[in-house]
Amino acid sequence: TGILATSGINTFATAGSTTMLYTEALSALSKLEEDDVPSLDAVFLVHPTNYAVIASSTIDAGSGLFTVAENGRIAGRRVIQSSLVPAGTVALGVFRHCMIGLFGGTDLVVDNVTEARSAKVLITQHQMADVAVRYPEAFCDITLTA
């Protein structure tokens, strides 16, 4: 299902721009707090394309401060760039409420035939896993509207 497709997570849409302003980030964090989820450990996952726009957005006209601070945080929360988040979306969450289940053991396949002419051995690893959300209210799907 994935985190963003899980029913019951919070949703938030920015006010008509392809960026997320500092006040909008605070509003998204307040969605978690309203559901009794402390947001101090929350993390923003942002597509790299959107990160560049969000990071260059100023908080206000005169302070010279940006939405993403010099330490790479928004309102003290970590910001991670990932292409696994769809462009136009920011995933906010307290990820200790995300569970990863592993099924079976790790399979290693050693192939010493395919690249034998180059004296190479190919090693492939397989692991079956799934992701589930324990507490949907600990996450927020932020849509960057155009």
Protein backbone atom coordinates (compact mmCIF):
# COMPACT_ATOMS: atom_id res chain seq x y z
CA THR A 1 0.00 0.00 0.00
CA GLY A 2 2.74 2.43 0.94
CA ILE A 3 2.57 5.21 3.47
CA LEU A 4 0.91 7.83 1.26
CA ALA A 5 -1.82 5.41 0.12
CA THR A 6 -2.68 4.31 3.66
CA SER A 7 -6.20 5.26 4.67
CA GLY A 8 -6.47 7.51 7.69
CA ILE A 9 -3.31 9.56 7.24
CA ASN A 10 -3.60 13.32 7.44
CA THR A 11 -3.71 15.37 4.27
CA PHE A 12 -2.78 18.97 3.63
CA ALA A 13 -2.62 21.07 0.48
CA THR A 14 -0.48 24.15 0.06
CA ALA A 15 -2.13 27.39 -0.98
CA GLY A 16 -1.71 27.43 -4.72
CA SER A 17 2.03 27.30 -5.28
CA THR A 18 4.53 24.59 -6.10
CA THR A 19 6.37 25.24 -2.87
CA MET A 20 5.65 24.83 0.81
CA LEU A 21 5.91 27.99 2.85
CA TYR A 22 7.18 27.95 6.41
CA THR A 23 3.69 28.65 7.78
CA GLU A 24 2.32 25.73 5.74
CA ALA A 25 4.98 23.43 7.18
CA LEU A 26 3.87 24.51 10.65
CA SER A 27 0.25 23.84 9.72
CA ALA A 28 1.14 20.33 8.55
CA LEU A 29 3.02 19.69 11.79
CA SER A 30 -0.03 20.87 13.72
CA LYS A 31 -2.08 18.15 11.98
CA LEU A 32 0.06 15.57 13.79
CA GLU A 33 -0.16 17.41 17.09
CA GLU A 34 -3.96 17.64 16.80
CA ASP A 35 -3.98 13.82 16.66
CA ASP A 36 -1.83 13.61 19.82
CA VAL A 37 1.33 12.69 17.90
CA PRO A 38 4.34 14.65 19.20
CA SER A 39 5.93 16.13 16.07
CA LEU A 40 9.39 16.75 17.48
CA ASP A 41 10.74 13.60 15.78
CA ALA A 42 8.83 14.18 12.54
CA VAL A 43 10.70 14.06 9.23
CA PHE A 44 9.85 15.75 5.93
CA LEU A 45 10.53 13.57 2.86
CA VAL A 46 10.75 15.72 -0.28
CA HIS A 47 11.38 14.96 -3.94
CA PRO A 48 14.71 16.60 -4.98
CA THR A 49 12.99 18.80 -7.57
CA ASN A 50 10.60 20.18 -4.97
CA TYR A 51 13.36 20.51 -2.38
CA ALA A 52 15.15 23.12 -4.49
CA VAL A 53 12.00 25.27 -4.65
CA ILE A 54 11.09 24.82 -0.98
CA ALA A 55 14.64 25.49 0.20
CA SER A 56 14.77 28.77 -1.71
CA SER A 57 11.45 30.04 -0.30
CA THR A 58 11.91 32.84 2.20
CA ILE A 59 10.05 32.89 5.51
CA ASP A 60 9.21 36.58 5.14
CA ALA A 61 10.29 39.64 3.19
CA GLY A 62 12.91 41.05 5.55
CA SER A 63 14.56 38.42 7.74
CA GLY A 64 16.69 36.70 5.12
CA LEU A 65 15.62 33.32 6.52
CA PHE A 66 14.48 30.45 4.34
CA THR A 67 11.92 27.67 4.86
CA VAL A 68 14.76 25.13 4.97
CA ALA A 69 17.29 26.47 7.45
CA GLU A 70 21.05 26.28 6.91
CA ASN A 71 21.15 23.11 9.02
CA GLY A 72 18.84 21.40 6.51
CA ARG A 73 15.79 21.46 8.77
CA ILE A 74 12.30 22.92 8.67
CA ALA A 75 11.15 24.15 12.08
CA GLY A 76 13.82 21.94 13.66
CA ARG A 77 12.67 18.78 11.86
CA ARG A 78 14.87 16.80 9.46
CA VAL A 79 14.36 17.14 5.74
CA ILE A 80 15.38 14.22 3.53
CA GLN A 81 15.47 14.39 -0.25
CA SER A 82 14.25 11.21 -1.93
CA SER A 83 13.10 10.35 -5.43
CA LEU A 84 10.89 7.69 -3.80
CA VAL A 85 8.48 10.50 -2.90
CA PRO A 86 6.40 11.58 -5.91
CA ALA A 87 7.15 15.02 -7.30
CA GLY A 88 4.57 17.50 -6.05
CA THR A 89 4.24 15.71 -2.72
CA VAL A 90 5.90 16.04 0.66
CA ALA A 91 5.58 13.12 3.07
CA LEU A 92 5.66 14.19 6.70
CA GLY A 93 5.77 11.59 9.40
CA VAL A 94 6.98 10.21 12.67
CA PHE A 95 8.56 7.11 11.19
CA ARG A 96 8.74 5.09 14.39
CA HIS A 97 5.06 4.41 13.59
CA CYS A 98 6.07 2.76 10.31
CA MET A 99 6.74 -0.99 10.50
CA ILE A 100 8.82 -3.03 8.10
CA GLY A 101 8.15 -6.75 7.97
CA LEU A 102 10.68 -9.16 6.51
CA PHE A 103 9.51 -12.51 5.19
CA GLY A 104 11.81 -15.49 5.14
CA GLY A 105 15.56 -15.20 5.03
CA THR A 106 17.85 -13.35 2.71
CA ASP A 107 18.59 -15.29 -0.45
CA LEU A 108 22.01 -14.89 -2.06
CA VAL A 109 22.45 -16.13 -5.61
CA VAL A 110 26.06 -16.53 -6.72
CA ASP A 111 26.49 -16.61 -10.50
CA ASN A 112 30.01 -17.50 -11.62
CA VAL A 113 28.98 -18.41 -15.18
CA THR A 114 27.38 -15.33 -16.83
CA GLU A 115 30.49 -13.10 -16.57
CA ALA A 116 33.07 -15.93 -16.49
CA ARG A 117 34.96 -14.56 -19.53
CA SER A 118 35.69 -11.37 -17.58
CA ALA A 119 36.58 -13.27 -14.40
CA LYS A 120 33.63 -11.71 -12.63
CA VAL A 121 31.21 -13.26 -10.18
CA LEU A 122 27.72 -11.78 -9.93
CA ILE A 123 26.06 -11.87 -6.54
CA THR A 124 22.36 -11.08 -6.29
CA GLN A 125 20.46 -10.63 -3.03
CA HIS A 126 16.70 -11.12 -2.61
CA GLN A 127 14.66 -10.10 0.41
CA MET A 128 10.89 -10.07 0.72
CA ALA A 129 9.60 -7.14 2.77
CA ASP A 130 6.47 -5.11 3.34
CA VAL A 131 5.69 -1.77 4.96
CA ALA A 132 2.73 -1.09 7.24
CA VAL A 133 1.63 1.96 9.18
CA ARG A 134 0.90 1.33 12.84
CA TYR A 135 -0.67 4.72 13.56
CA PRO A 136 -1.89 6.54 10.40
CA GLU A 137 -2.37 9.83 12.26
CA ALA A 138 1.43 10.03 12.60
CA PHE A 139 1.75 10.83 8.89
CA CYS A 140 0.67 13.65 6.61
CA ASP A 141 0.49 13.71 2.81
CA ILE A 142 1.26 17.30 1.78
CA THR A 143 0.23 18.17 -1.77
CA LEU A 144 2.12 21.04 -3.42
CA THR A 145 -0.63 22.61 -5.51
CA ALA A 146 0.14 24.65 -8.59
